Amino acid sequence: MDEQPPEPDSGYLIRPKGPIPEELYSEYEERPFRTCTRCGESLIHFQEGYRVSKVFRAGEVIFEYALCLPCLNNIMKESSEESKERLQEFQNSRVRDVDGFSDCALCDRTRETTRNGEFGLVGACLGDQLLDGNMICSFCMEEMSELVSEQTRRTWDRFVEENFPGVPSDFAPMPSHPQPLVM
């Protein structure tokens, strides 16, 4: 089946940066993500786009998922207002104008200066195009995790339980953005 992605310049304020880089491909499938991790729908059909998130440790992917924007928004609706405000405030005060996946978008660390080679990659995508992408170091991910309420933590725990059976209960896949900044 030859599915066509939506036109990437149909009303978006941000122009695509190009094809989705292999770093944001599913490690398990060795190709771009095709379906939303939560609802299972084909990502290519979402005119709103989708977000890919991956967490690396010592050169290996330890967690990855893709969420269509409607599913991401629904998860965010289940998060507490307090968490959303804290995370947005944190990001607004720290966001840096960096491009690509080598430098942390929230501090001056690089991939090489992260603890245990741990960092997250986030990409806002539309069809087969990357709209924006960032690297978040482990230090910033930990700081963001400390800002969330118990309600928000339970929401993300439920997401992991429902979609990733067998993941250790102490794993914390806190989102590196409360909302994709580009959508």
C-alpha atoms as a PDB file:
ATOM      1  CA  MET A   1       0.000   0.000   0.000  1.00  0.00           C
ATOM      2  CA  ASP A   2       1.523   3.301  -1.093  1.00  0.00           C
ATOM      3  CA  GLU A   3       0.445   5.853   1.501  1.00  0.00           C
ATOM      4  CA  GLN A   4       1.228   9.487   0.872  1.00  0.00           C
ATOM      5  CA  PRO A   5       2.206  11.760   3.771  1.00  0.00           C
ATOM      6  CA  PRO A   6       0.416  15.076   4.217  1.00  0.00           C
ATOM      7  CA  GLU A   7       1.940  18.123   2.625  1.00  0.00           C
ATOM      8  CA  PRO A   8       4.428  19.444   5.229  1.00  0.00           C
ATOM      9  CA  ASP A   9       3.918  23.098   4.347  1.00  0.00           C
ATOM     10  CA  SER A  10       0.112  23.145   4.617  1.00  0.00           C
ATOM     11  CA  GLY A  11      -0.319  26.030   7.045  1.00  0.00           C
ATOM     12  CA  TYR A  12       2.537  25.241   9.457  1.00  0.00           C
ATOM     13  CA  LEU A  13       4.663  28.058  10.781  1.00  0.00           C
ATOM     14  CA  ILE A  14       7.747  25.860  10.733  1.00  0.00           C
ATOM     15  CA  ARG A  15       9.155  24.513   7.521  1.00  0.00           C
ATOM     16  CA  PRO A  16      10.337  20.892   7.534  1.00  0.00           C
ATOM     17  CA  LYS A  17      14.059  20.426   8.065  1.00  0.00           C
ATOM     18  CA  GLY A  18      14.128  17.401   5.804  1.00  0.00           C
ATOM     19  CA  PRO A  19      13.479  13.690   6.037  1.00  0.00           C
ATOM     20  CA  ILE A  20      13.265  12.104   9.481  1.00  0.00           C
ATOM     21  CA  PRO A  21      16.844  11.164  10.447  1.00  0.00           C
ATOM     22  CA  GLU A  22      17.700   7.541  11.192  1.00  0.00           C
ATOM     23  CA  GLU A  23      18.415   8.472  14.827  1.00  0.00           C
ATOM     24  CA  LEU A  24      14.651   8.847  15.256  1.00  0.00           C
ATOM     25  CA  TYR A  25      13.804   5.548  13.552  1.00  0.00           C
ATOM     26  CA  SER A  26      12.414   2.754  15.655  1.00  0.00           C
ATOM     27  CA  GLU A  27      15.356   0.727  16.903  1.00  0.00           C
ATOM     28  CA  TYR A  28      13.156  -2.352  17.099  1.00  0.00           C
ATOM     29  CA  GLU A  29      11.762  -2.064  13.570  1.00  0.00           C
ATOM     30  CA  GLU A  30      14.858  -0.452  11.994  1.00  0.00           C
ATOM     31  CA  ARG A  31      12.696   2.037  10.069  1.00  0.00           C
ATOM     32  CA  PRO A  32      10.655   5.167  10.758  1.00  0.00           C
ATOM     33  CA  PHE A  33       7.812   4.676  13.216  1.00  0.00           C
ATOM     34  CA  ARG A  34       4.659   3.780  11.328  1.00  0.00           C
ATOM     35  CA  THR A  35       2.008   3.676  14.045  1.00  0.00           C
ATOM     36  CA  CYS A  36       1.154   5.569  17.200  1.00  0.00           C
ATOM     37  CA  THR A  37       2.318   3.664  20.261  1.00  0.00           C
ATOM     38  CA  ARG A  38      -0.900   4.472  22.121  1.00  0.00           C
ATOM     39  CA  CYS A  39      -3.750   4.216  19.585  1.00  0.00           C
ATOM     40  CA  GLY A  40      -2.095   2.116  16.871  1.00  0.00           C
ATOM     41  CA  GLU A  41      -3.213   4.398  14.023  1.00  0.00           C
ATOM     42  CA  SER A  42      -0.949   5.057  11.067  1.00  0.00           C
ATOM     43  CA  LEU A  43       1.150   8.162  11.802  1.00  0.00           C
ATOM     44  CA  ILE A  44       1.243   9.220   8.171  1.00  0.00           C
ATOM     45  CA  HIS A  45      -2.478  10.107   8.355  1.00  0.00           C
ATOM     46  CA  PHE A  46      -2.225  12.674  11.149  1.00  0.00           C
ATOM     47  CA  GLN A  47      -2.373  16.148   9.631  1.00  0.00           C
ATOM     48  CA  GLU A  48      -1.424  17.486  13.085  1.00  0.00           C
ATOM     49  CA  GLY A  49       1.788  15.480  13.102  1.00  0.00           C
ATOM     50  CA  TYR A  50       3.357  13.319  15.773  1.00  0.00           C
ATOM     51  CA  ARG A  51       6.229  13.151  18.224  1.00  0.00           C
ATOM     52  CA  VAL A  52       8.992  10.560  18.441  1.00  0.00           C
ATOM     53  CA  SER A  53      10.834  10.138  21.753  1.00  0.00           C
ATOM     54  CA  LYS A  54      13.843   7.942  22.428  1.00  0.00           C
ATOM     55  CA  VAL A  55      16.018   7.531  25.513  1.00  0.00           C
ATOM     56  CA  PHE A  56      19.607   6.315  25.145  1.00  0.00           C
ATOM     57  CA  ARG A  57      22.057   4.963  27.714  1.00  0.00           C
ATOM     58  CA  ALA A  58      25.647   4.011  26.881  1.00  0.00           C
ATOM     59  CA  GLY A  59      24.910   3.995  23.170  1.00  0.00           C
ATOM     60  CA  GLU A  60      21.804   1.804  23.393  1.00  0.00           C
ATOM     61  CA  VAL A  61      18.146   2.724  23.045  1.00  0.00           C
ATOM     62  CA  ILE A  62      16.445   1.840  26.327  1.00  0.00           C
ATOM     63  CA  PHE A  63      13.013   3.280  25.543  1.00  0.00           C
ATOM     64  CA  GLU A  64      11.253   4.607  22.449  1.00  0.00           C
ATOM     65  CA  TYR A  65       7.783   5.592  21.342  1.00  0.00           C
ATOM     66  CA  ALA A  66       5.849   7.652  18.815  1.00  0.00           C
ATOM     67  CA  LEU A  67       2.642   9.472  19.711  1.00  0.00           C
ATOM     68  CA  CYS A  68       0.215  11.120  17.336  1.00  0.00           C
ATOM     69  CA  LEU A  69      -0.629  14.635  18.453  1.00  0.00           C
ATOM     70  CA  PRO A  70      -4.184  13.711  19.552  1.00  0.00           C
ATOM     71  CA  CYS A  71      -2.831  10.953  21.861  1.00  0.00           C
ATOM     72  CA  LEU A  72      -0.079  13.220  23.183  1.00  0.00           C
ATOM     73  CA  ASN A  73      -2.659  15.925  23.896  1.00  0.00           C
ATOM     74  CA  ASN A  74      -4.883  13.414  25.697  1.00  0.00           C
ATOM     75  CA  ILE A  75      -1.990  12.318  27.901  1.00  0.00           C
ATOM     76  CA  MET A  76      -1.191  15.953  28.629  1.00  0.00           C
ATOM     77  CA  LYS A  77      -4.849  16.580  29.571  1.00  0.00           C
ATOM     78  CA  GLU A  78      -4.489  13.842  32.193  1.00  0.00           C
ATOM     79  CA  SER A  79      -1.409  15.583  33.631  1.00  0.00           C
ATOM     80  CA  SER A  80      -1.843  18.084  36.428  1.00  0.00           C
ATOM     81  CA  GLU A  81      -1.974  21.799  35.678  1.00  0.00           C
ATOM     82  CA  GLU A  82       0.776  22.266  38.260  1.00  0.00           C
ATOM     83  CA  SER A  83       3.099  19.920  36.323  1.00  0.00           C
ATOM     84  CA  LYS A  84       2.341  21.544  32.972  1.00  0.00           C
ATOM     85  CA  GLU A  85       3.024  25.007  34.387  1.00  0.00           C
ATOM     86  CA  ARG A  86       6.254  23.939  36.102  1.00  0.00           C
ATOM     87  CA  LEU A  87       7.572  22.169  33.009  1.00  0.00           C
ATOM     88  CA  GLN A  88       6.661  25.047  30.719  1.00  0.00           C
ATOM     89  CA  GLU A  89       8.320  27.540  33.081  1.00  0.00           C
ATOM     90  CA  PHE A  90      11.437  25.358  33.246  1.00  0.00           C
ATOM     91  CA  GLN A  91      11.638  25.112  29.479  1.00  0.00           C
ATOM     92  CA  ASN A  92      10.931  28.788  28.864  1.00  0.00           C
ATOM     93  CA  SER A  93      13.722  29.810  31.229  1.00  0.00           C
ATOM     94  CA  ARG A  94      16.264  27.351  29.813  1.00  0.00           C
ATOM     95  CA  VAL A  95      15.549  26.701  26.134  1.00  0.00           C
ATOM     96  CA  ARG A  96      18.547  27.346  23.908  1.00  0.00           C
ATOM     97  CA  ASP A  97      18.697  27.959  20.190  1.00  0.00           C
ATOM     98  CA  VAL A  98      20.498  24.785  19.160  1.00  0.00           C
ATOM     99  CA  ASP A  99      19.944  22.712  16.077  1.00  0.00           C
ATOM    100  CA  GLY A 100      20.230  18.976  15.838  1.00  0.00           C
ATOM    101  CA  PHE A 101      20.905  16.221  18.324  1.00  0.00           C
ATOM    102  CA  SER A 102      24.423  16.968  19.590  1.00  0.00           C
ATOM    103  CA  ASP A 103      23.770  19.714  22.169  1.00  0.00           C
ATOM    104  CA  CYS A 104      21.214  19.747  24.974  1.00  0.00           C
ATOM    105  CA  ALA A 105      18.366  22.130  24.188  1.00  0.00           C
ATOM    106  CA  LEU A 106      18.151  23.165  27.870  1.00  0.00           C
ATOM    107  CA  CYS A 107      21.776  23.478  29.074  1.00  0.00           C
ATOM    108  CA  ASP A 108      25.300  23.601  27.686  1.00  0.00           C
ATOM    109  CA  ARG A 109      25.995  19.848  27.883  1.00  0.00           C
ATOM    110  CA  THR A 110      26.674  17.759  24.811  1.00  0.00           C
ATOM    111  CA  ARG A 111      26.101  14.063  24.224  1.00  0.00           C
ATOM    112  CA  GLU A 112      29.705  13.450  25.195  1.00  0.00           C
ATOM    113  CA  THR A 113      29.279  15.166  28.581  1.00  0.00           C
ATOM    114  CA  THR A 114      26.128  13.340  29.712  1.00  0.00           C
ATOM    115  CA  ARG A 115      26.315  10.898  32.607  1.00  0.00           C
ATOM    116  CA  ASN A 116      26.600   7.286  31.383  1.00  0.00           C
ATOM    117  CA  GLY A 117      25.867   8.486  27.854  1.00  0.00           C
ATOM    118  CA  GLU A 118      22.233   8.986  28.839  1.00  0.00           C
ATOM    119  CA  PHE A 119      20.109  11.448  26.910  1.00  0.00           C
ATOM    120  CA  GLY A 120      16.781  11.731  25.142  1.00  0.00           C
ATOM    121  CA  LEU A 121      15.970  12.641  21.573  1.00  0.00           C
ATOM    122  CA  VAL A 122      12.657  14.220  20.650  1.00  0.00           C
ATOM    123  CA  GLY A 123      11.420  14.888  17.157  1.00  0.00           C
ATOM    124  CA  ALA A 124       8.274  16.653  15.985  1.00  0.00           C
ATOM    125  CA  CYS A 125       7.350  15.042  12.676  1.00  0.00           C
ATOM    126  CA  LEU A 126       4.792  15.414   9.935  1.00  0.00           C
ATOM    127  CA  GLY A 127       4.467  12.547   7.487  1.00  0.00           C
ATOM    128  CA  ASP A 128       8.006  11.561   6.587  1.00  0.00           C
ATOM    129  CA  GLN A 129       9.487  14.969   7.460  1.00  0.00           C
ATOM    130  CA  LEU A 130      11.201  16.299  10.600  1.00  0.00           C
ATOM    131  CA  LEU A 131       9.778  19.644  11.720  1.00  0.00           C
ATOM    132  CA  ASP A 132      12.029  20.047  14.737  1.00  0.00           C
ATOM    133  CA  GLY A 133      14.206  17.929  16.964  1.00  0.00           C
ATOM    134  CA  ASN A 134      16.203  18.248  20.148  1.00  0.00           C
ATOM    135  CA  MET A 135      18.511  16.391  22.470  1.00  0.00           C
ATOM    136  CA  ILE A 136      17.852  16.624  26.230  1.00  0.00           C
ATOM    137  CA  CYS A 137      20.649  15.482  28.543  1.00  0.00           C
ATOM    138  CA  SER A 138      20.064  13.152  31.496  1.00  0.00           C
ATOM    139  CA  PHE A 139      20.658  15.971  33.983  1.00  0.00           C
ATOM    140  CA  CYS A 140      17.855  18.092  32.488  1.00  0.00           C
ATOM    141  CA  MET A 141      15.558  15.062  32.197  1.00  0.00           C
ATOM    142  CA  GLU A 142      16.066  14.428  35.930  1.00  0.00           C
ATOM    143  CA  GLU A 143      15.375  18.055  36.788  1.00  0.00           C
ATOM    144  CA  MET A 144      12.177  17.955  34.768  1.00  0.00           C
ATOM    145  CA  SER A 145      11.111  14.699  36.394  1.00  0.00           C
ATOM    146  CA  GLU A 146      11.430  16.336  39.816  1.00  0.00           C
ATOM    147  CA  LEU A 147       8.957  19.043  38.749  1.00  0.00           C
ATOM    148  CA  VAL A 148       6.018  16.758  38.077  1.00  0.00           C
ATOM    149  CA  SER A 149       3.215  15.978  40.482  1.00  0.00           C
ATOM    150  CA  GLU A 150       2.176  12.531  41.647  1.00  0.00           C
ATOM    151  CA  GLN A 151      -0.901  12.756  39.367  1.00  0.00           C
ATOM    152  CA  THR A 152       1.292  13.329  36.313  1.00  0.00           C
ATOM    153  CA  ARG A 153       3.697  10.591  37.354  1.00  0.00           C
ATOM    154  CA  ARG A 154       0.747   8.154  37.601  1.00  0.00           C
ATOM    155  CA  THR A 155      -0.426   9.195  34.106  1.00  0.00           C
ATOM    156  CA  TRP A 156       2.953   8.347  32.580  1.00  0.00           C
ATOM    157  CA  ASP A 157       3.245   5.144  34.660  1.00  0.00           C
ATOM    158  CA  ARG A 158      -0.124   4.065  33.239  1.00  0.00           C
ATOM    159  CA  PHE A 159       1.090   4.874  29.695  1.00  0.00           C
ATOM    160  CA  VAL A 160       4.117   2.601  30.252  1.00  0.00           C
ATOM    161  CA  GLU A 161       2.057  -0.195  31.828  1.00  0.00           C
ATOM    162  CA  GLU A 162      -0.492  -0.155  28.986  1.00  0.00           C
ATOM    163  CA  ASN A 163       1.999   0.025  26.133  1.00  0.00           C
ATOM    164  CA  PHE A 164       5.235  -1.585  27.321  1.00  0.00           C
ATOM    165  CA  PRO A 165       4.643  -4.793  29.257  1.00  0.00           C
ATOM    166  CA  GLY A 166       7.767  -5.978  31.008  1.00  0.00           C
ATOM    167  CA  VAL A 167       9.344  -2.532  31.493  1.00  0.00           C
ATOM    168  CA  PRO A 168      10.726  -2.254  35.056  1.00  0.00           C
ATOM    169  CA  SER A 169       8.391  -0.430  37.426  1.00  0.00           C
ATOM    170  CA  ASP A 170      11.098   2.060  38.412  1.00  0.00           C
ATOM    171  CA  PHE A 171      11.625   3.259  34.831  1.00  0.00           C
ATOM    172  CA  ALA A 172      10.484   6.887  34.428  1.00  0.00           C
ATOM    173  CA  PRO A 173       9.814   7.937  30.807  1.00  0.00           C
ATOM    174  CA  MET A 174       8.974  11.518  31.671  1.00  0.00           C
ATOM    175  CA  PRO A 175       8.350  13.521  28.528  1.00  0.00           C
ATOM    176  CA  SER A 176      11.085  15.874  27.570  1.00  0.00           C
ATOM    177  CA  HIS A 177       8.508  18.432  26.428  1.00  0.00           C
ATOM    178  CA  PRO A 178       5.103  18.973  27.976  1.00  0.00           C
ATOM    179  CA  GLN A 179       3.908  19.836  24.457  1.00  0.00           C
ATOM    180  CA  PRO A 180       5.772  19.798  21.170  1.00  0.00           C
ATOM    181  CA  LEU A 181       6.979  23.366  20.927  1.00  0.00           C
ATOM    182  CA  VAL A 182       6.608  23.383  17.158  1.00  0.00           C
ATOM    183  CA  MET A 183       2.989  22.333  16.829  1.00  0.00           C
END
